């Protein structure tokens, strides 16, 4: 059986940030069309790996479907709730969402084992945790949803001080957002 892929995706500003210097990402709300594309790409995910901050943001999807939710939003809620989640945090004492495990620290060997044993792809969310996996050479694919805004600083989508050889596997525009999908080659720091 082939090894599952570890996929990292992020909505990013044109200048490469997932949140601005104040920690805001209000500019990153996806359109209905972009959300449908994200759903298409997320259907094959069996497990999400999150750091604490990303988990706290994503926990929104564990609640009930709001009455004004779009079709794509409702569909994503179902995709997210059906998947397992692993949260890496040294500060959380418990997790509140279903199908979620709390792990104290990121262990590249444990992630390798998960990938070897998984029948579905695994997603790593949040740039800080993804940086650890990228540095460990675990990430197979990077997808960036490049939003037409420059925020001037904040948290970068990709770690500083690292070189990654990438091969373009997808490019398309969804409205004003450019979707770039890459396969990773060897990592050199």
Protein backbone atom coordinates (compact mmCIF):
# COMPACT_ATOMS: atom_id res chain seq x y z
CA UNK A 1 0.00 0.00 0.00
CA UNK A 2 1.44 3.43 -0.90
CA UNK A 3 2.17 5.94 1.83
CA UNK A 4 -0.51 8.59 2.41
CA UNK A 5 0.41 12.12 1.37
CA UNK A 6 0.95 14.93 3.86
CA UNK A 7 -0.60 18.08 2.42
CA UNK A 8 -0.20 21.66 3.60
CA UNK A 9 -2.54 24.33 2.28
CA UNK A 10 -2.93 27.97 3.23
CA UNK A 11 -4.86 31.02 2.19
CA UNK A 12 -2.13 33.62 1.81
CA UNK A 13 -1.80 37.26 0.92
CA UNK A 14 0.05 38.16 -2.26
CA UNK A 15 3.07 39.06 -0.12
CA UNK A 16 3.04 35.61 1.52
CA UNK A 17 1.31 35.98 4.91
CA UNK A 18 -1.51 33.93 6.43
CA UNK A 19 -2.32 36.60 9.03
CA UNK A 20 -1.31 40.24 9.16
CA UNK A 21 0.85 41.86 11.86
CA UNK A 22 -2.21 42.22 14.14
CA UNK A 23 -3.11 38.53 13.72
CA UNK A 24 -6.10 39.29 11.50
CA UNK A 25 -7.10 37.23 8.49
CA UNK A 26 -10.42 38.91 7.72
CA UNK A 27 -9.15 39.46 4.16
CA UNK A 28 -8.95 35.66 3.65
CA UNK A 29 -12.65 34.73 3.66
CA UNK A 30 -13.19 32.44 0.66
CA UNK A 31 -15.90 33.02 -1.92
CA UNK A 32 -18.47 30.29 -2.50
CA UNK A 33 -16.59 29.16 -5.62
CA UNK A 34 -13.26 28.97 -3.79
CA UNK A 35 -14.87 27.12 -0.89
CA UNK A 36 -16.23 24.52 -3.32
CA UNK A 37 -12.70 24.01 -4.67
CA UNK A 38 -11.32 23.66 -1.14
CA UNK A 39 -14.02 21.05 -0.41
CA UNK A 40 -13.04 19.13 -3.54
CA UNK A 41 -9.43 19.05 -2.38
CA UNK A 42 -10.27 18.23 1.25
CA UNK A 43 -12.54 15.23 0.61
CA UNK A 44 -9.56 12.84 0.59
CA UNK A 45 -8.32 13.99 4.02
CA UNK A 46 -8.71 11.42 6.80
CA UNK A 47 -6.74 13.27 9.48
CA UNK A 48 -6.00 16.93 10.19
CA UNK A 49 -2.87 17.90 12.14
CA UNK A 50 -3.11 21.28 13.91
CA UNK A 51 -1.19 23.46 16.29
CA UNK A 52 -3.14 25.13 19.09
CA UNK A 53 -3.96 28.40 17.31
CA UNK A 54 -5.12 26.73 14.10
CA UNK A 55 -7.22 24.26 16.08
CA UNK A 56 -8.89 27.12 17.94
CA UNK A 57 -9.83 28.71 14.60
CA UNK A 58 -10.96 25.43 13.02
CA UNK A 59 -13.04 24.39 16.02
CA UNK A 60 -15.74 26.66 14.54
CA UNK A 61 -16.58 23.78 12.18
CA UNK A 62 -17.43 21.47 15.09
CA UNK A 63 -20.52 23.46 16.02
CA UNK A 64 -23.97 23.28 14.47
CA UNK A 65 -24.52 24.54 10.96
CA UNK A 66 -25.66 28.19 11.08
CA UNK A 67 -29.01 28.89 9.44
CA UNK A 68 -27.36 31.25 6.95
CA UNK A 69 -24.57 28.83 5.95
CA UNK A 70 -23.85 28.45 2.26
CA UNK A 71 -23.93 25.08 0.54
CA UNK A 72 -20.13 24.92 0.37
CA UNK A 73 -19.81 25.91 4.02
CA UNK A 74 -22.25 23.20 5.12
CA UNK A 75 -20.42 20.64 3.02
CA UNK A 76 -17.05 21.62 4.52
CA UNK A 77 -18.49 21.29 8.03
CA UNK A 78 -19.40 17.66 7.21
CA UNK A 79 -15.95 16.96 5.73
CA UNK A 80 -14.21 18.42 8.79
CA UNK A 81 -16.39 16.64 11.32
CA UNK A 82 -15.90 13.26 9.58
CA UNK A 83 -12.10 13.45 9.82
CA UNK A 84 -9.83 12.69 12.75
CA UNK A 85 -7.91 15.60 14.27
CA UNK A 86 -4.59 15.66 16.13
CA UNK A 87 -3.79 18.85 18.04
CA UNK A 88 -0.20 19.56 19.10
CA UNK A 89 -0.08 21.81 22.13
CA UNK A 90 1.90 22.12 25.30
CA UNK A 91 -0.62 24.57 26.76
CA UNK A 92 -4.07 23.11 26.08
CA UNK A 93 -5.37 20.84 28.83
CA UNK A 94 -8.19 19.32 26.76
CA UNK A 95 -9.80 19.38 23.33
CA UNK A 96 -13.52 19.85 22.85
CA UNK A 97 -14.24 18.60 19.34
CA UNK A 98 -15.17 15.04 18.42
CA UNK A 99 -12.58 12.68 16.90
CA UNK A 100 -9.75 14.82 18.30
CA UNK A 101 -6.59 13.76 20.11
CA UNK A 102 -4.31 16.09 22.07
CA UNK A 103 -0.55 15.47 21.73
CA UNK A 104 1.98 17.49 23.72
CA UNK A 105 4.64 17.93 21.03
CA UNK A 106 5.22 17.32 17.34
CA UNK A 107 7.10 14.07 16.69
CA UNK A 108 8.22 13.62 13.05
CA UNK A 109 8.61 9.84 13.52
CA UNK A 110 5.04 9.50 14.80
CA UNK A 111 3.80 11.48 11.77
CA UNK A 112 5.80 9.20 9.43
CA UNK A 113 4.14 6.21 11.07
CA UNK A 114 0.69 7.82 10.69
CA UNK A 115 1.40 8.41 6.98
CA UNK A 116 2.59 4.83 6.52
CA UNK A 117 -0.53 3.41 8.18
CA UNK A 118 -3.18 5.83 6.86
CA UNK A 119 -5.51 4.88 4.02
CA UNK A 120 -6.39 8.57 3.50
CA UNK A 121 -4.28 11.67 3.01
CA UNK A 122 -3.28 13.78 6.00
CA UNK A 123 -3.45 17.58 6.15
CA UNK A 124 -1.23 19.76 8.27
CA UNK A 125 -2.72 23.14 9.14
CA UNK A 126 -1.13 26.28 10.43
CA UNK A 127 2.19 27.72 9.31
CA UNK A 128 4.08 27.10 12.55
CA UNK A 129 3.30 23.39 12.71
CA UNK A 130 3.68 23.05 8.93
CA UNK A 131 7.15 24.60 9.22
CA UNK A 132 8.20 21.75 11.52
CA UNK A 133 6.88 19.16 9.08
CA UNK A 134 8.47 20.95 6.11
CA UNK A 135 11.84 21.06 7.87
CA UNK A 136 11.53 17.34 8.68
CA UNK A 137 10.90 16.56 5.00
CA UNK A 138 7.42 15.16 5.66
CA UNK A 139 5.27 17.40 3.45
CA UNK A 140 4.46 16.05 0.00
CA UNK A 141 2.28 18.85 -1.35
CA UNK A 142 1.81 22.57 -0.75
CA UNK A 143 -1.27 24.42 -1.98
CA UNK A 144 -1.41 28.19 -1.70
CA UNK A 145 -4.58 30.19 -2.28
CA UNK A 146 -3.08 33.56 -3.14
CA UNK A 147 -5.47 36.39 -2.28
CA UNK A 148 -5.09 39.77 -4.01
CA UNK A 149 -4.12 41.78 -0.94
CA UNK A 150 -0.75 42.83 0.43
CA UNK A 151 -0.73 42.98 4.22
CA UNK A 152 2.86 44.14 4.73
CA UNK A 153 3.85 41.66 7.43
CA UNK A 154 2.61 39.03 9.83
CA UNK A 155 2.97 35.27 9.92
CA UNK A 156 4.48 33.87 6.72
CA UNK A 157 2.84 30.91 4.97
CA UNK A 158 6.24 29.28 4.45
CA UNK A 159 9.07 29.19 6.98
CA UNK A 160 11.89 31.68 6.67
CA UNK A 161 15.45 30.43 6.24
CA UNK A 162 14.49 27.23 4.42
CA UNK A 163 14.76 26.26 0.79
CA UNK A 164 12.18 23.97 -0.79
CA UNK A 165 12.37 22.69 -4.34
CA UNK A 166 8.84 22.65 -5.72
CA UNK A 167 7.24 21.32 -8.90
CA UNK A 168 4.08 23.05 -10.10
CA UNK A 169 1.22 20.56 -10.38
CA UNK A 170 -1.76 22.93 -10.46
CA UNK A 171 -2.49 26.55 -11.26
CA UNK A 172 -5.86 28.14 -11.71
CA UNK A 173 -7.77 31.26 -10.92
CA UNK A 174 -10.97 31.21 -8.91
CA UNK A 175 -12.27 34.74 -9.20
CA UNK A 176 -9.41 36.98 -8.04
CA UNK A 177 -7.67 34.19 -6.09
CA UNK A 178 -4.85 32.25 -7.73
CA UNK A 179 -4.56 28.62 -6.63
CA UNK A 180 -1.02 27.21 -6.82
CA UNK A 181 -0.39 23.56 -6.06
CA UNK A 182 3.13 22.18 -5.75
CA UNK A 183 4.75 18.82 -5.15
CA UNK A 184 7.81 19.06 -2.92
CA UNK A 185 11.23 17.88 -3.90
CA UNK A 186 14.08 17.54 -1.44
CA UNK A 187 14.29 20.02 1.43
CA UNK A 188 17.48 21.91 2.19
CA UNK A 189 17.82 24.28 5.12
